[in-house]
Amino acid sequence: MPFPRTAQRWIGGAAIAGGIFALAELPLYFVVPACNTCSVDTGSLMPDGLILARTLFNFLALTAFLIFMSGVRFLIGRADARYEWFGAVAGTVGVAWTIVDMVAKGLEGSSAIQTAELIDPTRTVPTYLLYGSISHLLLAVFGVAFGYAVLRTRALAPWVGWSAFGIALLHLAGVPSMFFGYNSSEFYASNGWGAVAMFNGIAALWLAVVGIAVLRRKAPENT
């Protein structure tokens, strides 16, 4: 059964929009005031406007990714109904990832609003496991299920499926970061710039590229 072109545009466009908003948010984690007296516990004290700006970009990115994830099951099911369950698994854990990450960033933004003094929410708000190890696990499952479904159904180009396995491996490697503290200036801390910001940035960029592949997708090849 052919996939509605309008739905295809929404799904692919949402992934691209999510990637754009995510990449706009990412630099704001590194544009922080210098702080010679800051400790591991306090981090670099940030103005509320900076924290809320990146929180807003995060909300926009994750809302767009939520739209994309809700369409994954239909992309797979329309290509080959025999593998719809794998599409459902990928879409479900993808939706769960967007919600978990949005809750984490919402708590950070809320703390900036509620606290009178300047804070670094990447250190002082203990949401590390939400956007760290938990998100890594969800994205790892998504990558495996989505990659397998794409390769078996040929719903998208084979490179999408193989690269999804690469995303899964990357985020699986990020799960143990929960054992390496909460100093966000360290690469592999539970909230580290590498294990969180870089890994998630790569996933966001990859999803945007997948969105382009969805927009370029022609009639599905049933097997």
Protein backbone atom coordinates (compact mmCIF):
# COMPACT_ATOMS: atom_id res chain seq x y z
CA MET A 1 0.00 0.00 0.00
CA PRO A 2 1.56 3.36 -0.99
CA PHE A 3 2.56 5.72 1.78
CA PRO A 4 0.70 9.07 1.71
CA ARG A 5 3.01 11.76 0.37
CA THR A 6 1.71 14.30 2.89
CA ALA A 7 2.58 12.02 5.82
CA GLN A 8 5.98 11.38 4.26
CA ARG A 9 6.65 15.12 4.17
CA TRP A 10 5.60 15.54 7.80
CA ILE A 11 7.77 12.66 9.01
CA GLY A 12 10.85 13.59 7.01
CA GLY A 13 10.44 17.32 7.59
CA ALA A 14 10.04 16.79 11.34
CA ALA A 15 13.35 14.90 11.54
CA ILE A 16 15.12 17.67 9.63
CA ALA A 17 13.58 20.38 11.82
CA GLY A 18 14.55 18.44 14.94
CA GLY A 19 18.14 18.22 13.79
CA ILE A 20 18.27 21.96 13.04
CA PHE A 21 16.92 22.92 16.46
CA ALA A 22 19.22 20.43 18.21
CA LEU A 23 22.30 21.75 16.43
CA ALA A 24 21.24 25.31 17.30
CA GLU A 25 20.99 24.29 20.97
CA LEU A 26 24.30 22.44 21.17
CA PRO A 27 26.70 25.45 21.01
CA LEU A 28 24.86 27.12 23.89
CA TYR A 29 26.28 24.48 26.24
CA PHE A 30 29.78 25.69 25.47
CA VAL A 31 29.13 29.46 25.52
CA VAL A 32 29.42 29.88 29.29
CA PRO A 33 30.94 32.66 31.41
CA ALA A 34 34.48 32.13 32.67
CA CYS A 35 34.56 31.21 36.34
CA ASN A 36 37.89 30.96 38.15
CA THR A 37 36.34 30.09 41.51
CA CYS A 38 33.83 27.49 40.36
CA SER A 39 34.03 23.96 41.71
CA VAL A 40 32.95 20.61 40.34
CA ASP A 41 29.71 21.00 42.30
CA THR A 42 28.80 24.46 41.03
CA GLY A 43 30.18 24.43 37.50
CA SER A 44 30.19 27.66 35.48
CA LEU A 45 27.40 29.92 36.69
CA MET A 46 25.08 30.79 33.82
CA PRO A 47 22.47 33.52 33.27
CA ASP A 48 18.88 32.31 33.26
CA GLY A 49 18.38 33.56 29.71
CA LEU A 50 21.10 31.25 28.37
CA ILE A 51 19.68 28.22 30.18
CA LEU A 52 16.12 28.93 29.06
CA ALA A 53 17.17 29.62 25.46
CA ARG A 54 18.80 26.22 25.10
CA THR A 55 15.87 24.62 26.95
CA LEU A 56 13.50 26.12 24.39
CA PHE A 57 15.61 24.87 21.48
CA ASN A 58 15.64 21.44 23.13
CA PHE A 59 11.84 21.44 23.47
CA LEU A 60 11.44 22.38 19.79
CA ALA A 61 13.93 19.72 18.69
CA LEU A 62 12.37 16.95 20.75
CA THR A 63 8.83 17.88 19.70
CA ALA A 64 9.91 17.58 16.07
CA PHE A 65 11.66 14.26 16.78
CA LEU A 66 8.49 13.06 18.53
CA ILE A 67 6.57 13.60 15.28
CA PHE A 68 9.22 11.67 13.37
CA MET A 69 9.26 8.79 15.86
CA SER A 70 5.48 8.47 15.73
CA GLY A 71 5.75 7.83 12.00
CA VAL A 72 8.44 5.13 12.11
CA ARG A 73 5.96 2.28 12.57
CA PHE A 74 4.00 3.39 9.52
CA LEU A 75 7.12 3.78 7.38
CA ILE A 76 8.06 0.18 8.14
CA GLY A 77 4.54 -1.27 8.11
CA ARG A 78 3.67 0.20 4.73
CA ALA A 79 6.89 -1.17 3.24
CA ASP A 80 6.37 -4.70 4.61
CA ALA A 81 3.72 -5.50 7.21
CA ARG A 82 5.66 -8.57 8.37
CA TYR A 83 8.16 -6.27 10.11
CA GLU A 84 5.71 -3.77 11.54
CA TRP A 85 6.47 -4.96 15.09
CA PHE A 86 10.09 -3.87 14.72
CA GLY A 87 8.87 -0.51 13.50
CA ALA A 88 6.58 -0.31 16.52
CA VAL A 89 9.48 -1.08 18.87
CA ALA A 90 11.67 1.56 17.23
CA GLY A 91 8.90 4.15 17.27
CA THR A 92 7.91 3.41 20.87
CA VAL A 93 11.40 3.67 22.33
CA GLY A 94 12.02 6.72 20.14
CA VAL A 95 8.97 8.46 21.59
CA ALA A 96 10.08 7.41 25.09
CA TRP A 97 13.51 8.96 24.43
CA THR A 98 12.00 12.30 23.43
CA ILE A 99 9.81 12.40 26.55
CA VAL A 100 12.59 11.37 28.95
CA ASP A 101 14.99 13.94 27.52
CA MET A 102 12.32 16.65 27.54
CA VAL A 103 11.56 15.97 31.20
CA ALA A 104 15.26 16.20 32.05
CA LYS A 105 15.70 19.52 30.24
CA GLY A 106 12.43 20.79 31.67
CA LEU A 107 13.71 20.19 35.19
CA GLU A 108 16.90 22.08 34.35
CA GLY A 109 14.97 25.03 32.96
CA SER A 110 12.56 25.05 35.88
CA SER A 111 15.48 25.11 38.34
CA ALA A 112 16.90 28.18 36.60
CA ILE A 113 13.53 29.93 36.95
CA GLN A 114 13.04 28.92 40.58
CA THR A 115 16.56 29.61 41.87
CA ALA A 116 17.44 33.22 42.66
CA GLU A 117 21.20 32.84 42.24
CA LEU A 118 22.98 31.80 39.06
CA ILE A 119 23.48 28.06 38.61
CA ASP A 120 24.95 25.53 36.21
CA PRO A 121 22.03 23.08 35.82
CA THR A 122 24.28 20.49 34.16
CA ARG A 123 25.93 20.09 37.58
CA THR A 124 23.41 21.17 40.23
CA VAL A 125 20.25 19.53 38.82
CA PRO A 126 20.67 15.74 39.15
CA THR A 127 19.03 14.71 35.88
CA TYR A 128 22.21 13.11 34.55
CA LEU A 129 20.79 9.62 34.20
CA LEU A 130 17.70 10.85 32.35
CA TYR A 131 19.54 12.51 29.48
CA GLY A 132 22.59 10.28 29.96
CA SER A 133 22.48 6.53 30.46
CA ILE A 134 18.69 6.14 30.14
CA SER A 135 18.62 8.09 26.87
CA HIS A 136 21.61 6.10 25.62
CA LEU A 137 19.80 2.82 26.26
CA LEU A 138 16.67 4.00 24.48
CA LEU A 139 18.60 5.25 21.46
CA ALA A 140 20.56 1.99 21.34
CA VAL A 141 17.33 -0.04 21.18
CA PHE A 142 15.92 2.37 18.62
CA GLY A 143 18.99 2.02 16.43
CA VAL A 144 18.93 -1.77 16.45
CA ALA A 145 15.17 -2.09 15.81
CA PHE A 146 15.06 0.66 13.19
CA GLY A 147 18.18 -0.53 11.43
CA TYR A 148 16.98 -4.13 11.25
CA ALA A 149 13.53 -3.11 10.01
CA VAL A 150 14.95 -0.81 7.33
CA LEU A 151 17.33 -3.47 6.02
CA ARG A 152 14.68 -6.18 5.95
CA THR A 153 11.91 -4.08 4.38
CA ARG A 154 14.02 -1.78 2.22
CA ALA A 155 11.76 1.02 3.42
CA LEU A 156 14.77 3.33 3.07
CA ALA A 157 18.21 3.06 1.52
CA PRO A 158 20.47 0.37 3.03
CA TRP A 159 22.92 2.97 4.38
CA VAL A 160 20.16 4.17 6.73
CA GLY A 161 19.89 0.72 8.27
CA TRP A 162 23.63 0.18 8.63
CA SER A 163 24.20 3.66 10.05
CA ALA A 164 21.39 3.03 12.55
CA PHE A 165 23.46 0.14 13.93
CA GLY A 166 26.37 2.56 14.26
CA ILE A 167 24.19 4.97 16.26
CA ALA A 168 23.12 2.05 18.45
CA LEU A 169 26.73 1.08 19.17
CA LEU A 170 27.69 4.68 19.91
CA HIS A 171 24.94 5.09 22.48
CA LEU A 172 25.47 1.65 23.96
CA ALA A 173 29.03 2.79 24.62
CA GLY A 174 27.62 5.77 26.50
CA VAL A 175 25.58 3.77 29.01
CA PRO A 176 28.49 3.08 31.46
CA SER A 177 29.19 6.82 31.73
CA MET A 178 26.93 6.74 34.80
CA PHE A 179 29.91 5.36 36.75
CA PHE A 180 32.21 8.29 35.96
CA GLY A 181 30.92 11.17 38.05
CA TYR A 182 29.13 14.39 37.15
CA ASN A 183 31.83 16.81 36.06
CA SER A 184 30.37 18.00 32.76
CA SER A 185 33.77 19.32 31.64
CA GLU A 186 35.01 15.72 31.40
CA PHE A 187 34.41 13.77 28.19
CA TYR A 188 32.94 10.59 29.66
CA ALA A 189 31.19 11.77 32.82
CA SER A 190 27.50 10.93 33.27
CA ASN A 191 26.78 14.47 32.06
CA GLY A 192 30.03 14.88 30.14
CA TRP A 193 30.44 16.97 27.02
CA GLY A 194 31.37 13.88 25.05
CA ALA A 195 29.09 11.18 26.43
CA VAL A 196 26.06 13.47 26.33
CA ALA A 197 26.50 16.56 24.17
CA MET A 198 28.61 14.99 21.42
CA PHE A 199 26.87 11.59 21.32
CA ASN A 200 23.41 13.18 21.28
CA GLY A 201 24.54 15.76 18.75
CA ILE A 202 25.67 13.00 16.39
CA ALA A 203 22.30 11.24 16.82
CA ALA A 204 20.41 14.48 16.10
CA LEU A 205 22.45 15.15 12.97
CA TRP A 206 21.93 11.55 11.83
CA LEU A 207 18.16 11.83 12.35
CA ALA A 208 18.12 14.98 10.22
CA VAL A 209 19.91 13.10 7.43
CA VAL A 210 17.42 10.23 7.79
CA GLY A 211 14.67 12.84 7.41
CA ILE A 212 16.16 13.83 4.07
CA ALA A 213 16.17 10.15 3.05
CA VAL A 214 12.49 9.91 4.00
CA LEU A 215 11.62 12.93 1.85
CA ARG A 216 13.51 11.43 -1.09
CA ARG A 217 11.86 8.04 -0.63
CA LYS A 218 9.89 6.74 -3.59
CA ALA A 219 7.25 4.04 -3.63
CA PRO A 220 8.11 1.26 -1.14
CA GLU A 221 9.42 -2.01 -2.49
CA ASN A 222 7.37 -4.82 -0.99
CA THR A 223 8.99 -8.18 -0.46
